[in-house]
Amino acid sequence: GGRMPAKEAELACLSEAVPEGCLLSCFQELVKVKISRTPYKEVTLTLHLLPTYPETPLIAEFASSSLPDALLAKFKEAVEKEARNQTGYPQLVKAVQLVHRLVCGNLLISCWDEIRQAKTLLGGGLGTLKLSESTGSIGLFVTSAGHTVEVTLRVPDAYPAEPVTAEVQRSTFPGDVTTSFMLRLAEQTNRLAQGFAGEASAACKPATGAQPVSGVVGGQHGEGGWLGERAKELSKLKVKKAADEVFVDLSSRGIHELKSDREFLHQFANVRGSHEQRKDRRRLVHVQNKQDAEAAAARLAPNLSSGREPLRSVLAAIRFVAEEWVLRMSREPCQICERLVFPPLATGVTEGAECSTAGCEGGGGGGAGSNCPPFEGHQSGSWSLDGPYAPRCRRS
């Protein structure tokens, strides 16, 4: 036989390369592929092929229930740029491979919008982010009044169903202060993954755009609601059906006549066959619905224990470190003398070290440059929280 046309050969190659169930449509004018890593990292890619393809580059279209539109727009730009570079050559397989790398090879894709908001939050010299898409790590550096905290956030593959974890790399605050805030951070991220907003409710949002569970909506089950109207319609149908009923003679004579009526028997056979077909269809629909329900349950399995939709925690974690920890502690006054508990540090000086700043007595328990007596437990390493996480100084 003759050689297969170029476009048909490319479609055949794509059909072999894409796993079963992921290739939704494969025609000469349109190709649709679903690429999914987790329920929170999935896209549906539609590629439109013009009659002059491949001399005319393909057109990409993206849809996703979990990823933001701004990110999908960047995907579209990247795919169509790659297609333009391959003008005159096959483009389908390379386009699908590119999207697969973008979705499955980037562990930070599920928190892309949070990272963008975090960069805005850290603007003005408050801090910086160092991202590693292949390992899913976020290096967070926050500084205020000379106080510095470096934390590494690690985003798991199943995020946000699994919580982001944090590891402190460097801190100019006392060890007990650092430990206290890291424990609070871990508790917060774990609760967000379980669907509890808590104190981070302003910084987090649901992981997906899931709609509320369907049910009876308030105000719709009264007299004026759609259920009342439906009941009236059914009542009318019952009355009409009763008026249209035909009397059937079920005596022995009548049954004998029906058995002899060929036309009636033929109609009865057709009705019975249609009834069996309807039963078969109902069974298939039931099986399909059961499979869909099991698949949905499997996707939500990490959160079945809490029964809540997981919440995103990357932005909440960054906001906690930047605002609640570094900014607040560097500005927190003593509740007794009203001086700063952690006065500003000179650049490059760690907490408790000798400081050459003018007027600083250096290395005091109340911090460099502080006239406040040492707060309780600072030098002994048993720093305790009191009130709204504010240490009290101790006067002798």
Protein backbone atom coordinates (compact mmCIF):
# COMPACT_ATOMS: atom_id res chain seq x y z
CA GLY A 1 0.00 0.00 0.00
CA GLY A 2 0.91 3.68 -0.30
CA ARG A 3 2.46 5.74 2.40
CA MET A 4 0.18 7.12 5.12
CA PRO A 5 -0.41 10.91 4.80
CA ALA A 6 1.76 13.00 7.13
CA LYS A 7 -1.12 14.23 9.30
CA GLU A 8 -2.62 10.75 9.71
CA ALA A 9 0.81 9.33 10.58
CA GLU A 10 1.27 12.05 13.22
CA LEU A 11 -2.16 11.32 14.71
CA ALA A 12 -1.34 7.60 14.82
CA CYS A 13 1.96 8.36 16.57
CA LEU A 14 0.14 10.53 19.11
CA SER A 15 -2.42 7.79 19.77
CA GLU A 16 0.40 5.38 20.61
CA ALA A 17 2.26 7.89 22.80
CA VAL A 18 -0.67 9.07 24.93
CA PRO A 19 -1.88 6.61 27.62
CA GLU A 20 -5.31 5.08 27.26
CA GLY A 21 -8.05 7.26 28.71
CA CYS A 22 -6.07 10.49 28.32
CA LEU A 23 -6.69 10.95 24.59
CA LEU A 24 -10.26 12.29 24.55
CA SER A 25 -10.49 13.17 20.82
CA CYS A 26 -8.20 12.52 17.88
CA PHE A 27 -9.37 13.93 14.55
CA GLN A 28 -7.63 15.67 11.68
CA GLU A 29 -9.13 19.00 12.71
CA LEU A 30 -9.03 18.67 16.52
CA VAL A 31 -7.08 16.79 19.19
CA LYS A 32 -8.07 16.82 22.87
CA VAL A 33 -5.83 15.40 25.60
CA LYS A 34 -6.25 15.30 29.37
CA ILE A 35 -3.01 15.57 31.35
CA SER A 36 -3.25 14.98 35.09
CA ARG A 37 -0.73 14.48 37.87
CA THR A 38 -3.10 14.83 40.83
CA PRO A 39 -6.69 16.12 41.16
CA TYR A 40 -5.14 19.53 41.88
CA LYS A 41 -2.76 19.48 38.90
CA GLU A 42 -4.72 18.66 35.76
CA VAL A 43 -5.45 20.35 32.43
CA THR A 44 -7.42 19.52 29.32
CA LEU A 45 -5.50 20.52 26.19
CA THR A 46 -7.36 21.10 22.93
CA LEU A 47 -5.28 21.53 19.76
CA HIS A 48 -6.96 22.95 16.65
CA LEU A 49 -5.41 22.02 13.30
CA LEU A 50 -6.19 24.29 10.37
CA PRO A 51 -6.49 22.84 6.82
CA THR A 52 -3.05 24.28 6.01
CA TYR A 53 -1.37 22.56 9.00
CA PRO A 54 1.63 22.10 9.49
CA GLU A 55 2.48 25.13 7.34
CA THR A 56 0.13 27.03 9.67
CA PRO A 57 0.93 26.51 13.37
CA LEU A 58 -1.64 24.77 15.55
CA ILE A 59 -3.84 26.71 17.99
CA ALA A 60 -3.92 25.64 21.65
CA GLU A 61 -6.77 25.93 24.12
CA PHE A 62 -6.61 25.03 27.82
CA ALA A 63 -9.20 24.25 30.48
CA SER A 64 -8.73 23.26 34.11
CA SER A 65 -10.85 23.05 37.25
CA SER A 66 -7.87 23.46 39.58
CA LEU A 67 -5.29 25.75 37.93
CA PRO A 68 -5.74 29.55 37.56
CA ASP A 69 -6.56 31.16 34.21
CA ALA A 70 -3.41 33.31 34.32
CA LEU A 71 -1.26 30.17 34.43
CA LEU A 72 -3.24 28.54 31.61
CA ALA A 73 -2.63 31.67 29.52
CA LYS A 74 1.12 31.19 30.02
CA PHE A 75 0.77 27.54 28.98
CA LYS A 76 -1.03 28.60 25.81
CA GLU A 77 1.69 31.13 25.01
CA ALA A 78 4.45 28.53 25.51
CA VAL A 79 2.73 25.86 23.36
CA GLU A 80 1.93 28.21 20.49
CA LYS A 81 5.46 29.62 20.55
CA GLU A 82 6.83 26.08 20.26
CA ALA A 83 4.41 25.41 17.39
CA ARG A 84 5.55 28.52 15.53
CA ASN A 85 9.16 27.35 15.88
CA GLN A 86 8.12 24.03 14.26
CA THR A 87 6.18 25.56 11.35
CA GLY A 88 6.23 23.14 8.41
CA TYR A 89 7.06 20.18 10.65
CA PRO A 90 4.96 17.92 12.93
CA GLN A 91 3.88 19.82 16.04
CA LEU A 92 1.32 17.65 17.86
CA VAL A 93 3.57 15.31 19.81
CA LYS A 94 5.97 18.06 20.86
CA ALA A 95 3.07 20.23 22.04
CA VAL A 96 1.64 17.44 24.21
CA GLN A 97 5.10 16.58 25.57
CA LEU A 98 5.67 20.23 26.49
CA VAL A 99 2.39 20.45 28.42
CA HIS A 100 3.16 17.16 30.15
CA ARG A 101 6.49 18.58 31.37
CA LEU A 102 4.84 21.80 32.53
CA VAL A 103 2.15 19.97 34.52
CA CYS A 104 3.96 16.89 35.83
CA GLY A 105 7.53 18.18 36.11
CA ASN A 106 6.79 21.32 38.13
CA LEU A 107 6.02 20.58 41.78
CA LEU A 108 5.13 24.22 42.42
CA ILE A 109 2.40 24.44 39.81
CA SER A 110 -0.39 23.86 42.34
CA CYS A 111 0.69 26.94 44.34
CA TRP A 112 1.60 29.18 41.39
CA ASP A 113 -0.92 31.88 42.24
CA GLU A 114 0.10 31.81 45.92
CA ILE A 115 3.74 32.38 45.00
CA ARG A 116 2.77 35.33 42.84
CA GLN A 117 0.84 36.88 45.75
CA ALA A 118 3.71 36.13 48.13
CA LYS A 119 6.14 38.09 45.93
CA THR A 120 3.83 41.08 46.22
CA LEU A 121 3.62 40.59 49.99
CA LEU A 122 7.42 40.53 50.34
CA GLY A 123 7.97 43.56 48.12
CA GLY A 124 9.67 46.69 49.44
CA GLY A 125 12.66 44.87 50.86
CA LEU A 126 10.81 42.73 53.41
CA GLY A 127 12.02 39.45 51.92
CA THR A 128 12.76 37.30 48.91
CA LEU A 129 11.84 33.87 47.54
CA LYS A 130 14.13 31.30 45.93
CA LEU A 131 12.16 28.69 43.98
CA SER A 132 13.08 25.18 42.86
CA GLU A 133 10.35 23.77 40.63
CA SER A 134 11.93 20.33 40.24
CA THR A 135 12.25 19.69 43.98
CA GLY A 136 9.21 21.68 45.11
CA SER A 137 11.17 23.81 47.58
CA ILE A 138 10.70 27.50 48.36
CA GLY A 139 13.53 29.35 50.07
CA LEU A 140 12.05 32.18 52.15
CA PHE A 141 14.28 35.00 53.43
CA VAL A 142 12.64 37.67 55.62
CA THR A 143 14.35 40.58 57.36
CA SER A 144 13.15 43.48 59.50
CA ALA A 145 15.19 45.88 61.64
CA GLY A 146 18.24 43.66 61.28
CA HIS A 147 16.37 40.54 62.45
CA THR A 148 16.52 37.76 59.88
CA VAL A 149 14.77 34.44 59.40
CA GLU A 150 15.49 31.93 56.63
CA VAL A 151 13.00 29.08 56.17
CA THR A 152 12.75 26.39 53.51
CA LEU A 153 9.19 25.39 52.58
CA ARG A 154 8.71 22.06 50.81
CA VAL A 155 5.59 21.55 48.72
CA PRO A 156 4.59 17.85 48.40
CA ASP A 157 3.36 16.36 45.15
CA ALA A 158 -0.16 15.89 46.55
CA TYR A 159 -0.42 19.51 47.77
CA PRO A 160 -2.79 20.86 49.04
CA ALA A 161 -4.16 17.50 50.25
CA GLU A 162 -0.82 17.10 52.02
CA PRO A 163 0.53 20.03 54.06
CA VAL A 164 3.54 22.10 53.14
CA THR A 165 6.45 21.46 55.54
CA ALA A 166 8.94 24.02 56.86
CA GLU A 167 12.54 23.85 58.05
CA VAL A 168 14.36 26.80 59.58
CA GLN A 169 17.83 27.47 58.15
CA ARG A 170 18.82 30.57 60.12
CA SER A 171 17.25 32.86 62.71
CA THR A 172 18.56 35.80 64.69
CA PHE A 173 15.85 35.29 67.31
CA PRO A 174 16.53 33.17 70.44
CA GLY A 175 16.22 29.43 70.01
CA ASP A 176 13.07 29.10 72.10
CA VAL A 177 11.36 31.85 70.13
CA THR A 178 12.26 30.15 66.84
CA THR A 179 11.06 26.75 68.09
CA SER A 180 7.77 28.21 69.28
CA PHE A 181 6.99 29.87 65.95
CA MET A 182 8.02 26.82 63.92
CA LEU A 183 5.66 24.63 65.97
CA ARG A 184 2.82 27.07 65.42
CA LEU A 185 3.59 27.14 61.69
CA ALA A 186 3.52 23.33 61.45
CA GLU A 187 0.20 23.18 63.29
CA GLN A 188 -1.31 25.83 61.02
CA THR A 189 -0.28 24.13 57.76
CA ASN A 190 -1.54 20.75 59.00
CA ARG A 191 -4.93 22.19 59.90
CA LEU A 192 -5.22 23.91 56.52
CA ALA A 193 -4.55 20.61 54.73
CA GLN A 194 -7.39 19.11 56.78
CA GLY A 195 -9.72 21.94 55.74
CA PHE A 196 -9.66 24.01 58.94
CA ALA A 197 -9.09 27.69 58.18
CA GLY A 198 -8.53 28.97 61.72
CA GLU A 199 -6.34 32.05 62.07
CA ALA A 200 -5.10 31.79 58.48
CA SER A 201 -8.57 32.16 56.91
CA ALA A 202 -7.68 35.47 55.28
CA ALA A 203 -4.61 34.01 53.56
CA CYS A 204 -5.98 30.74 52.23
CA LYS A 205 -8.69 29.57 49.87
CA PRO A 206 -10.27 26.25 48.85
CA ALA A 207 -8.06 24.03 46.71
CA THR A 208 -10.62 23.65 43.94
CA GLY A 209 -13.58 25.53 42.61
CA ALA A 210 -15.89 22.81 43.86
CA GLN A 211 -19.55 23.72 44.09
CA PRO A 212 -21.60 23.02 47.23
CA VAL A 213 -23.21 19.61 47.49
CA SER A 214 -26.50 19.58 45.65
CA GLY A 215 -29.64 19.44 47.73
CA VAL A 216 -32.85 21.24 48.58
CA VAL A 217 -32.22 24.96 48.58
CA GLY A 218 -33.86 26.97 51.31
CA GLY A 219 -37.11 28.55 50.22
CA GLN A 220 -37.68 26.14 47.33
CA HIS A 221 -39.72 23.49 49.05
CA GLY A 222 -42.76 25.62 50.03
CA GLU A 223 -45.94 26.27 48.15
CA GLY A 224 -44.29 28.63 45.68
CA GLY A 225 -41.17 26.55 45.19
CA TRP A 226 -40.36 24.25 42.30
CA LEU A 227 -41.21 21.17 44.37
CA GLY A 228 -44.75 22.43 44.92
CA GLU A 229 -45.18 23.11 41.21
CA ARG A 230 -43.88 19.66 40.38
CA ALA A 231 -46.40 18.06 42.77
CA LYS A 232 -49.24 19.92 41.06
CA GLU A 233 -48.08 18.70 37.62
CA LEU A 234 -47.92 15.09 38.83
CA SER A 235 -51.40 15.37 40.28
CA LYS A 236 -52.75 16.60 36.94
CA LEU A 237 -51.00 13.76 35.11
CA LYS A 238 -52.55 11.18 37.44
CA VAL A 239 -56.03 12.59 36.81
CA LYS A 240 -55.47 12.60 33.04
CA LYS A 241 -54.08 9.06 33.13
CA ALA A 242 -57.14 7.84 35.06
CA ALA A 243 -59.45 9.47 32.48
CA ASP A 244 -57.55 7.91 29.55
CA GLU A 245 -57.42 4.37 30.95
CA VAL A 246 -59.05 1.71 28.80
CA PHE A 247 -60.95 -1.16 30.42
CA VAL A 248 -59.33 -4.52 29.73
CA ASP A 249 -61.40 -7.69 29.91
CA LEU A 250 -59.41 -10.09 32.15
CA SER A 251 -62.02 -12.85 32.15
CA SER A 252 -61.08 -16.26 30.80
CA ARG A 253 -62.87 -15.44 27.57
CA GLY A 254 -61.14 -12.12 27.23
CA ILE A 255 -57.70 -13.65 27.85
CA HIS A 256 -58.42 -16.38 25.25
CA GLU A 257 -59.27 -13.70 22.70
CA LEU A 258 -56.07 -11.80 23.48
CA LYS A 259 -53.97 -14.96 23.01
CA SER A 260 -55.51 -15.35 19.56
CA ASP A 261 -54.83 -11.72 18.61
CA ARG A 262 -51.57 -11.84 16.61
CA GLU A 263 -51.26 -8.07 16.40
CA PHE A 264 -51.60 -7.76 20.19
CA LEU A 265 -48.98 -10.46 20.79
CA HIS A 266 -46.57 -8.76 18.40
CA GLN A 267 -47.03 -5.41 20.15
CA PHE A 268 -46.62 -7.09 23.55
CA ALA A 269 -43.33 -8.68 22.45
CA ASN A 270 -42.02 -5.30 21.28
CA VAL A 271 -43.04 -3.63 24.53
CA ARG A 272 -41.38 -6.38 26.57
CA GLY A 273 -38.20 -6.11 24.50
CA SER A 274 -38.13 -2.34 24.96
CA HIS A 275 -38.65 -2.81 28.69
CA GLU A 276 -35.67 -5.18 28.90
CA GLN A 277 -33.54 -2.70 26.96
CA ARG A 278 -34.50 0.08 29.34
CA LYS A 279 -33.58 -2.13 32.29
CA ASP A 280 -30.20 -2.87 30.72
CA ARG A 281 -29.59 0.84 30.16
CA ARG A 282 -30.50 1.61 33.75
CA ARG A 283 -28.06 -1.06 34.95
CA LEU A 284 -25.27 0.42 32.83
CA VAL A 285 -26.02 3.93 34.08
CA HIS A 286 -26.00 2.66 37.67
CA VAL A 287 -22.64 0.94 37.18
CA GLN A 288 -21.18 4.07 35.56
CA ASN A 289 -22.46 6.30 38.34
CA LYS A 290 -21.00 3.92 40.93
CA GLN A 291 -17.62 3.99 39.18
CA ASP A 292 -17.70 7.78 39.00
CA ALA A 293 -18.52 7.98 42.71
CA GLU A 294 -15.67 5.61 43.59
CA ALA A 295 -13.25 7.66 41.48
CA ALA A 296 -14.37 10.87 43.19
CA ALA A 297 -13.96 9.23 46.61
CA ALA A 298 -10.46 8.09 45.70
CA ARG A 299 -9.49 11.62 44.71
CA LEU A 300 -10.67 12.94 48.06
CA ALA A 301 -9.28 10.02 50.07
CA PRO A 302 -6.58 12.07 51.85
CA ASN A 303 -9.29 14.25 53.37
CA LEU A 304 -12.04 11.76 54.11
CA SER A 305 -11.00 11.72 57.75
CA SER A 306 -11.89 15.39 58.13
CA GLY A 307 -14.67 15.53 55.54
CA ARG A 308 -13.45 18.94 54.40
CA GLU A 309 -11.96 20.31 51.21
CA PRO A 310 -8.19 20.92 51.76
CA LEU A 311 -7.06 24.53 51.90
CA ARG A 312 -3.90 25.95 50.39
CA SER A 313 -1.19 26.79 52.89
CA VAL A 314 1.87 28.16 51.05
CA LEU A 315 0.78 31.80 51.11
CA ALA A 316 -0.49 31.42 54.69
CA ALA A 317 2.90 30.01 55.76
CA ILE A 318 4.84 32.83 54.08
CA ARG A 319 2.51 35.44 55.57
CA PHE A 320 2.91 33.87 59.03
CA VAL A 321 6.72 33.96 58.90
CA ALA A 322 6.90 37.47 57.45
CA GLU A 323 4.16 39.28 59.37
CA GLU A 324 3.38 37.31 62.52
CA TRP A 325 6.95 36.31 63.30
CA VAL A 326 9.61 38.66 61.91
CA LEU A 327 7.68 41.92 61.56
CA ARG A 328 5.70 41.58 64.78
CA MET A 329 8.56 40.39 66.97
CA SER A 330 10.90 43.12 65.70
CA ARG A 331 8.29 45.72 66.70
CA GLU A 332 6.85 44.10 69.84
CA PRO A 333 7.12 46.33 72.95
CA CYS A 334 7.68 45.02 76.45
CA GLN A 335 4.40 44.93 78.34
CA ILE A 336 6.04 46.53 81.40
CA CYS A 337 8.62 49.09 80.25
CA GLU A 338 7.20 49.51 76.70
CA ARG A 339 10.67 49.28 75.13
CA LEU A 340 11.25 46.95 72.20
CA VAL A 341 11.81 43.38 73.32
CA PHE A 342 14.02 42.74 70.29
CA PRO A 343 15.65 46.08 69.42
CA PRO A 344 17.09 46.61 65.92
CA LEU A 345 20.28 44.74 65.13
CA ALA A 346 23.17 46.11 63.12
CA THR A 347 23.70 44.47 59.76
CA GLY A 348 25.53 41.18 60.08
CA VAL A 349 25.06 40.95 63.85
CA THR A 350 23.31 37.95 65.37
CA GLU A 351 21.12 38.14 68.46
CA GLY A 352 23.13 38.36 71.69
CA ALA A 353 26.44 39.15 69.96
CA GLU A 354 28.67 42.15 70.64
CA CYS A 355 27.42 45.18 68.71
CA SER A 356 29.40 48.29 67.84
CA THR A 357 26.33 50.43 67.11
CA ALA A 358 26.46 53.82 68.83
CA GLY A 359 24.76 53.74 72.22
CA CYS A 360 24.60 49.95 72.29
CA GLU A 361 25.93 48.27 75.40
CA GLY A 362 26.10 44.99 73.48
CA GLY A 363 24.96 41.50 74.20
CA GLY A 364 22.43 42.32 76.88
CA GLY A 365 19.63 39.96 77.69
CA GLY A 366 17.16 42.57 76.45
CA GLY A 367 18.89 42.65 73.06
CA ALA A 368 21.59 44.85 71.53
CA GLY A 369 21.12 48.52 72.37
CA SER A 370 18.40 47.85 74.94
CA ASN A 371 18.19 49.32 78.44
CA CYS A 372 15.44 46.85 79.29
CA PRO A 373 16.44 44.15 81.84
CA PRO A 374 16.65 40.61 80.47
CA PHE A 375 13.21 39.11 79.92
CA GLU A 376 12.46 35.94 81.78
CA GLY A 377 14.37 32.91 80.55
CA HIS A 378 16.27 34.67 77.75
CA GLN A 379 19.74 33.68 78.94
CA SER A 380 18.65 30.33 80.34
CA GLY A 381 17.01 29.29 77.08
CA SER A 382 13.55 28.75 78.58
CA TRP A 383 11.74 31.62 76.87
CA SER A 384 8.00 31.48 77.58
CA LEU A 385 4.97 33.01 75.84
CA ASP A 386 2.58 35.22 77.70
CA GLY A 387 -0.42 37.19 76.48
CA PRO A 388 -0.52 37.48 72.70
CA TYR A 389 2.87 35.78 72.27
CA ALA A 390 4.65 38.74 73.88
CA PRO A 391 7.50 38.16 76.36
CA ARG A 392 7.55 40.07 79.63
CA CYS A 393 10.78 41.54 80.91
CA ARG A 394 11.76 40.91 84.51
CA ARG A 395 12.79 43.69 86.81
CA SER A 396 15.03 42.80 89.71
